[in-house]
Amino acid sequence: MKKIISLLALASLATTALVFAPGCASTPTQASTGEFIDDSVITTKVKAALLHDDGTPGGAIKVETFKGVVQLSGFVDNGLQKKRAGMLAAEVTGVHEVVNNITVK
């Protein structure tokens, strides 16, 4: 009898794990919890790099990250600032790709 109860408890635990575990997995349109945290760190590092660089107007550039892909947007005064912002973003650890949608005024 104890063996049956143990097996039922084990089966119940395994079923619960299978039901709730996929909630933490990523999908093509939604990051997992770990990816979300990693992306937040990448976004913060890119913003800091842009703000600390004299060659870019860091406050005028918006940064979004999804699964390691950084998207830059906003307005800059010239093409050199746009290029520099893309280069700074690409140098940040964890960045897989940079999509530079910055517009030159």
N, C-alpha and C. Protein backbone atom coordinates (compact mmCIF):
# COMPACT_ATOMS: atom_id res chain seq x y z
N MET A 1 0.83 -1.19 0.00
CA MET A 1 0.00 0.00 0.00
C MET A 1 0.87 1.26 0.00
N LYS A 2 1.94 1.25 0.83
CA LYS A 2 2.83 2.41 0.88
C LYS A 2 3.53 2.61 -0.47
N LYS A 3 3.82 1.49 -1.14
CA LYS A 3 4.49 1.58 -2.43
C LYS A 3 3.58 2.24 -3.47
N ILE A 4 2.30 1.93 -3.43
CA ILE A 4 1.33 2.52 -4.37
C ILE A 4 1.18 4.01 -4.10
N ILE A 5 1.12 4.40 -2.84
CA ILE A 5 1.00 5.81 -2.48
C ILE A 5 2.24 6.58 -2.92
N SER A 6 3.40 5.96 -2.74
CA SER A 6 4.65 6.61 -3.17
C SER A 6 4.67 6.79 -4.69
N LEU A 7 4.24 5.78 -5.42
CA LEU A 7 4.20 5.87 -6.87
C LEU A 7 3.20 6.93 -7.34
N LEU A 8 2.05 7.00 -6.67
CA LEU A 8 1.06 8.03 -7.03
C LEU A 8 1.60 9.43 -6.73
N ALA A 9 2.28 9.58 -5.62
CA ALA A 9 2.86 10.88 -5.28
C ALA A 9 3.92 11.28 -6.30
N LEU A 10 4.75 10.33 -6.69
CA LEU A 10 5.78 10.59 -7.68
C LEU A 10 5.17 10.95 -9.04
N ALA A 11 4.13 10.22 -9.44
CA ALA A 11 3.45 10.51 -10.70
C ALA A 11 2.79 11.89 -10.66
N SER A 12 2.22 12.22 -9.53
CA SER A 12 1.58 13.53 -9.37
C SER A 12 2.62 14.66 -9.47
N LEU A 13 3.75 14.46 -8.84
CA LEU A 13 4.82 15.46 -8.88
C LEU A 13 5.35 15.62 -10.31
N ALA A 14 5.52 14.52 -11.01
CA ALA A 14 6.02 14.57 -12.38
C ALA A 14 5.01 15.28 -13.29
N THR A 15 3.74 15.00 -13.12
CA THR A 15 2.70 15.65 -13.92
C THR A 15 2.66 17.15 -13.65
N THR A 16 2.79 17.53 -12.40
CA THR A 16 2.80 18.95 -12.04
C THR A 16 3.97 19.66 -12.68
N ALA A 17 5.13 19.02 -12.66
CA ALA A 17 6.32 19.62 -13.27
C ALA A 17 6.13 19.80 -14.77
N LEU A 18 5.52 18.83 -15.42
CA LEU A 18 5.29 18.94 -16.87
C LEU A 18 4.27 20.02 -17.21
N VAL A 19 3.32 20.25 -16.34
CA VAL A 19 2.29 21.26 -16.60
C VAL A 19 2.85 22.66 -16.41
N PHE A 20 3.63 22.88 -15.35
CA PHE A 20 4.08 24.23 -15.03
C PHE A 20 5.43 24.61 -15.63
N ALA A 21 6.27 23.68 -15.98
CA ALA A 21 7.59 23.99 -16.52
C ALA A 21 7.55 24.76 -17.84
N PRO A 22 6.66 24.44 -18.78
CA PRO A 22 6.66 25.19 -20.03
C PRO A 22 6.34 26.68 -19.87
N GLY A 23 5.77 27.09 -18.76
CA GLY A 23 5.47 28.49 -18.52
C GLY A 23 6.71 29.36 -18.47
N CYS A 24 7.87 28.77 -18.25
CA CYS A 24 9.12 29.51 -18.18
C CYS A 24 9.87 29.50 -19.50
N ALA A 25 9.40 28.73 -20.46
CA ALA A 25 10.09 28.61 -21.73
C ALA A 25 9.78 29.80 -22.63
N SER A 26 10.71 30.06 -23.54
CA SER A 26 10.48 31.17 -24.46
C SER A 26 9.72 30.69 -25.69
N THR A 27 9.12 31.64 -26.37
CA THR A 27 8.45 31.40 -27.65
C THR A 27 9.06 32.38 -28.65
N PRO A 28 8.73 32.27 -29.92
CA PRO A 28 9.30 33.22 -30.89
C PRO A 28 8.94 34.68 -30.60
N THR A 29 7.84 34.93 -29.92
CA THR A 29 7.41 36.31 -29.65
C THR A 29 7.52 36.72 -28.20
N GLN A 30 7.94 35.82 -27.33
CA GLN A 30 8.03 36.13 -25.91
C GLN A 30 9.29 35.49 -25.33
N ALA A 31 10.06 36.29 -24.60
CA ALA A 31 11.30 35.81 -23.98
C ALA A 31 10.99 35.07 -22.68
N SER A 32 11.85 34.11 -22.35
CA SER A 32 11.74 33.44 -21.05
C SER A 32 12.17 34.42 -19.97
N THR A 33 11.96 34.05 -18.73
CA THR A 33 12.34 34.92 -17.62
C THR A 33 13.83 35.23 -17.66
N GLY A 34 14.64 34.24 -17.89
CA GLY A 34 16.09 34.43 -17.95
C GLY A 34 16.49 35.33 -19.11
N GLU A 35 15.87 35.11 -20.27
CA GLU A 35 16.17 35.95 -21.43
C GLU A 35 15.74 37.40 -21.18
N PHE A 36 14.60 37.57 -20.53
CA PHE A 36 14.11 38.92 -20.22
C PHE A 36 15.11 39.65 -19.33
N ILE A 37 15.62 38.96 -18.34
CA ILE A 37 16.61 39.58 -17.43
C ILE A 37 17.89 39.88 -18.19
N ASP A 38 18.35 38.94 -19.02
CA ASP A 38 19.56 39.17 -19.82
C ASP A 38 19.38 40.37 -20.75
N ASP A 39 18.22 40.46 -21.39
CA ASP A 39 17.94 41.58 -22.29
C ASP A 39 17.91 42.91 -21.54
N SER A 40 17.39 42.90 -20.32
CA SER A 40 17.36 44.13 -19.52
C SER A 40 18.77 44.60 -19.19
N VAL A 41 19.64 43.65 -18.88
CA VAL A 41 21.04 43.99 -18.58
C VAL A 41 21.72 44.54 -19.83
N ILE A 42 21.49 43.91 -20.97
CA ILE A 42 22.08 44.37 -22.23
C ILE A 42 21.59 45.79 -22.55
N THR A 43 20.30 46.03 -22.42
CA THR A 43 19.74 47.36 -22.69
C THR A 43 20.40 48.41 -21.80
N THR A 44 20.55 48.11 -20.53
CA THR A 44 21.17 49.04 -19.59
C THR A 44 22.62 49.33 -19.97
N LYS A 45 23.36 48.29 -20.35
CA LYS A 45 24.77 48.47 -20.74
C LYS A 45 24.89 49.30 -22.02
N VAL A 46 24.01 49.07 -22.98
CA VAL A 46 24.05 49.83 -24.23
C VAL A 46 23.72 51.29 -23.95
N LYS A 47 22.68 51.54 -23.16
CA LYS A 47 22.31 52.92 -22.82
C LYS A 47 23.46 53.63 -22.11
N ALA A 48 24.10 52.93 -21.19
CA ALA A 48 25.23 53.53 -20.46
C ALA A 48 26.37 53.86 -21.42
N ALA A 49 26.66 52.96 -22.34
CA ALA A 49 27.73 53.20 -23.31
C ALA A 49 27.41 54.42 -24.18
N LEU A 50 26.17 54.56 -24.59
CA LEU A 50 25.77 55.70 -25.42
C LEU A 50 25.83 57.01 -24.64
N LEU A 51 25.42 56.97 -23.38
CA LEU A 51 25.43 58.18 -22.56
C LEU A 51 26.84 58.63 -22.21
N HIS A 52 27.76 57.69 -22.03
CA HIS A 52 29.12 58.03 -21.64
C HIS A 52 30.01 58.39 -22.83
N ASP A 53 29.52 58.18 -24.04
CA ASP A 53 30.31 58.48 -25.22
C ASP A 53 30.02 59.90 -25.70
N ASP A 54 31.07 60.69 -25.90
CA ASP A 54 30.91 62.07 -26.34
C ASP A 54 30.50 62.17 -27.81
N GLY A 55 30.67 61.10 -28.56
CA GLY A 55 30.35 61.13 -29.98
C GLY A 55 28.91 60.83 -30.31
N THR A 56 28.09 60.51 -29.31
CA THR A 56 26.68 60.21 -29.57
C THR A 56 25.79 60.97 -28.59
N PRO A 57 24.61 61.39 -29.07
CA PRO A 57 23.64 62.00 -28.15
C PRO A 57 22.84 60.88 -27.47
N GLY A 58 23.43 60.24 -26.47
CA GLY A 58 22.86 59.06 -25.84
C GLY A 58 21.42 59.21 -25.38
N GLY A 59 21.07 60.40 -24.87
CA GLY A 59 19.71 60.62 -24.38
C GLY A 59 18.67 60.65 -25.48
N ALA A 60 19.09 60.86 -26.72
CA ALA A 60 18.17 60.94 -27.85
C ALA A 60 17.97 59.60 -28.54
N ILE A 61 18.67 58.57 -28.07
CA ILE A 61 18.60 57.26 -28.72
C ILE A 61 17.86 56.28 -27.82
N LYS A 62 16.83 55.65 -28.38
CA LYS A 62 16.06 54.65 -27.66
C LYS A 62 16.66 53.27 -27.93
N VAL A 63 16.75 52.46 -26.87
CA VAL A 63 17.35 51.13 -26.98
C VAL A 63 16.33 50.09 -26.52
N GLU A 64 16.10 49.09 -27.34
CA GLU A 64 15.25 47.95 -26.97
C GLU A 64 16.00 46.68 -27.32
N THR A 65 15.87 45.67 -26.46
CA THR A 65 16.56 44.39 -26.69
C THR A 65 15.57 43.25 -26.58
N PHE A 66 15.64 42.31 -27.52
CA PHE A 66 14.82 41.10 -27.48
C PHE A 66 15.68 39.94 -27.93
N LYS A 67 15.92 39.02 -27.00
CA LYS A 67 16.72 37.82 -27.26
C LYS A 67 18.09 38.15 -27.83
N GLY A 68 18.73 39.18 -27.28
CA GLY A 68 20.08 39.55 -27.67
C GLY A 68 20.18 40.44 -28.89
N VAL A 69 19.05 40.73 -29.52
CA VAL A 69 19.04 41.62 -30.68
C VAL A 69 18.68 43.02 -30.19
N VAL A 70 19.59 43.96 -30.38
CA VAL A 70 19.40 45.33 -29.92
C VAL A 70 18.88 46.18 -31.07
N GLN A 71 17.79 46.91 -30.80
CA GLN A 71 17.24 47.83 -31.79
C GLN A 71 17.45 49.25 -31.30
N LEU A 72 18.09 50.05 -32.12
CA LEU A 72 18.33 51.46 -31.81
C LEU A 72 17.38 52.30 -32.65
N SER A 73 16.79 53.33 -32.02
CA SER A 73 15.93 54.25 -32.75
C SER A 73 16.07 55.63 -32.14
N GLY A 74 15.57 56.61 -32.84
CA GLY A 74 15.67 57.99 -32.38
C GLY A 74 16.26 58.85 -33.47
N PHE A 75 16.74 60.05 -33.09
CA PHE A 75 17.25 61.01 -34.06
C PHE A 75 18.63 61.48 -33.65
N VAL A 76 19.50 61.60 -34.65
CA VAL A 76 20.85 62.13 -34.44
C VAL A 76 21.12 63.20 -35.51
N ASP A 77 22.18 63.96 -35.32
CA ASP A 77 22.48 65.07 -36.22
C ASP A 77 23.20 64.66 -37.50
N ASN A 78 23.94 63.54 -37.47
CA ASN A 78 24.69 63.15 -38.67
C ASN A 78 24.91 61.63 -38.71
N GLY A 79 25.37 61.19 -39.87
CA GLY A 79 25.59 59.76 -40.09
C GLY A 79 26.67 59.17 -39.21
N LEU A 80 27.66 59.98 -38.86
CA LEU A 80 28.74 59.51 -38.00
C LEU A 80 28.20 59.12 -36.61
N GLN A 81 27.28 59.91 -36.08
CA GLN A 81 26.68 59.59 -34.77
C GLN A 81 25.87 58.30 -34.86
N LYS A 82 25.17 58.10 -35.95
CA LYS A 82 24.39 56.87 -36.15
C LYS A 82 25.32 55.66 -36.18
N LYS A 83 26.37 55.77 -36.97
CA LYS A 83 27.33 54.67 -37.09
C LYS A 83 28.01 54.38 -35.76
N ARG A 84 28.41 55.42 -35.04
CA ARG A 84 29.07 55.27 -33.74
C ARG A 84 28.15 54.57 -32.74
N ALA A 85 26.88 54.94 -32.73
CA ALA A 85 25.92 54.31 -31.82
C ALA A 85 25.80 52.82 -32.10
N GLY A 86 25.75 52.46 -33.37
CA GLY A 86 25.68 51.04 -33.75
C GLY A 86 26.92 50.28 -33.33
N MET A 87 28.09 50.90 -33.49
CA MET A 87 29.34 50.26 -33.09
C MET A 87 29.41 50.06 -31.58
N LEU A 88 28.99 51.07 -30.82
CA LEU A 88 29.01 50.96 -29.36
C LEU A 88 28.08 49.84 -28.89
N ALA A 89 26.91 49.76 -29.50
CA ALA A 89 25.95 48.71 -29.12
C ALA A 89 26.50 47.33 -29.43
N ALA A 90 27.15 47.18 -30.56
CA ALA A 90 27.69 45.88 -30.97
C ALA A 90 28.81 45.40 -30.06
N GLU A 91 29.50 46.32 -29.40
CA GLU A 91 30.61 45.96 -28.51
C GLU A 91 30.15 45.44 -27.15
N VAL A 92 28.89 45.61 -26.80
CA VAL A 92 28.38 45.18 -25.50
C VAL A 92 28.27 43.66 -25.46
N THR A 93 28.74 43.08 -24.37
CA THR A 93 28.69 41.63 -24.20
C THR A 93 27.25 41.15 -24.20
N GLY A 94 26.98 40.10 -24.97
CA GLY A 94 25.64 39.51 -25.02
C GLY A 94 24.83 39.96 -26.22
N VAL A 95 25.31 40.98 -26.94
CA VAL A 95 24.60 41.46 -28.12
C VAL A 95 24.92 40.54 -29.29
N HIS A 96 23.86 39.97 -29.89
CA HIS A 96 24.04 39.08 -31.04
C HIS A 96 23.93 39.83 -32.35
N GLU A 97 23.12 40.88 -32.34
CA GLU A 97 22.86 41.64 -33.57
C GLU A 97 22.39 43.04 -33.19
N VAL A 98 22.69 44.02 -34.04
CA VAL A 98 22.22 45.39 -33.83
C VAL A 98 21.40 45.80 -35.04
N VAL A 99 20.17 46.24 -34.79
CA VAL A 99 19.31 46.79 -35.83
C VAL A 99 19.30 48.29 -35.60
N ASN A 100 19.97 49.01 -36.49
CA ASN A 100 20.15 50.45 -36.32
C ASN A 100 19.09 51.21 -37.12
N ASN A 101 18.01 51.57 -36.45
CA ASN A 101 16.93 52.32 -37.07
C ASN A 101 16.97 53.80 -36.69
N ILE A 102 18.14 54.29 -36.36
CA ILE A 102 18.29 55.71 -36.00
C ILE A 102 18.12 56.54 -37.28
N THR A 103 17.42 57.65 -37.14
CA THR A 103 17.19 58.56 -38.25
C THR A 103 18.10 59.77 -38.13
N VAL A 104 18.74 60.13 -39.24
CA VAL A 104 19.57 61.34 -39.26
C VAL A 104 18.67 62.51 -39.60
N LYS A 105 18.72 63.56 -38.77
CA LYS A 105 17.88 64.75 -38.98
C LYS A 105 18.32 65.50 -40.22
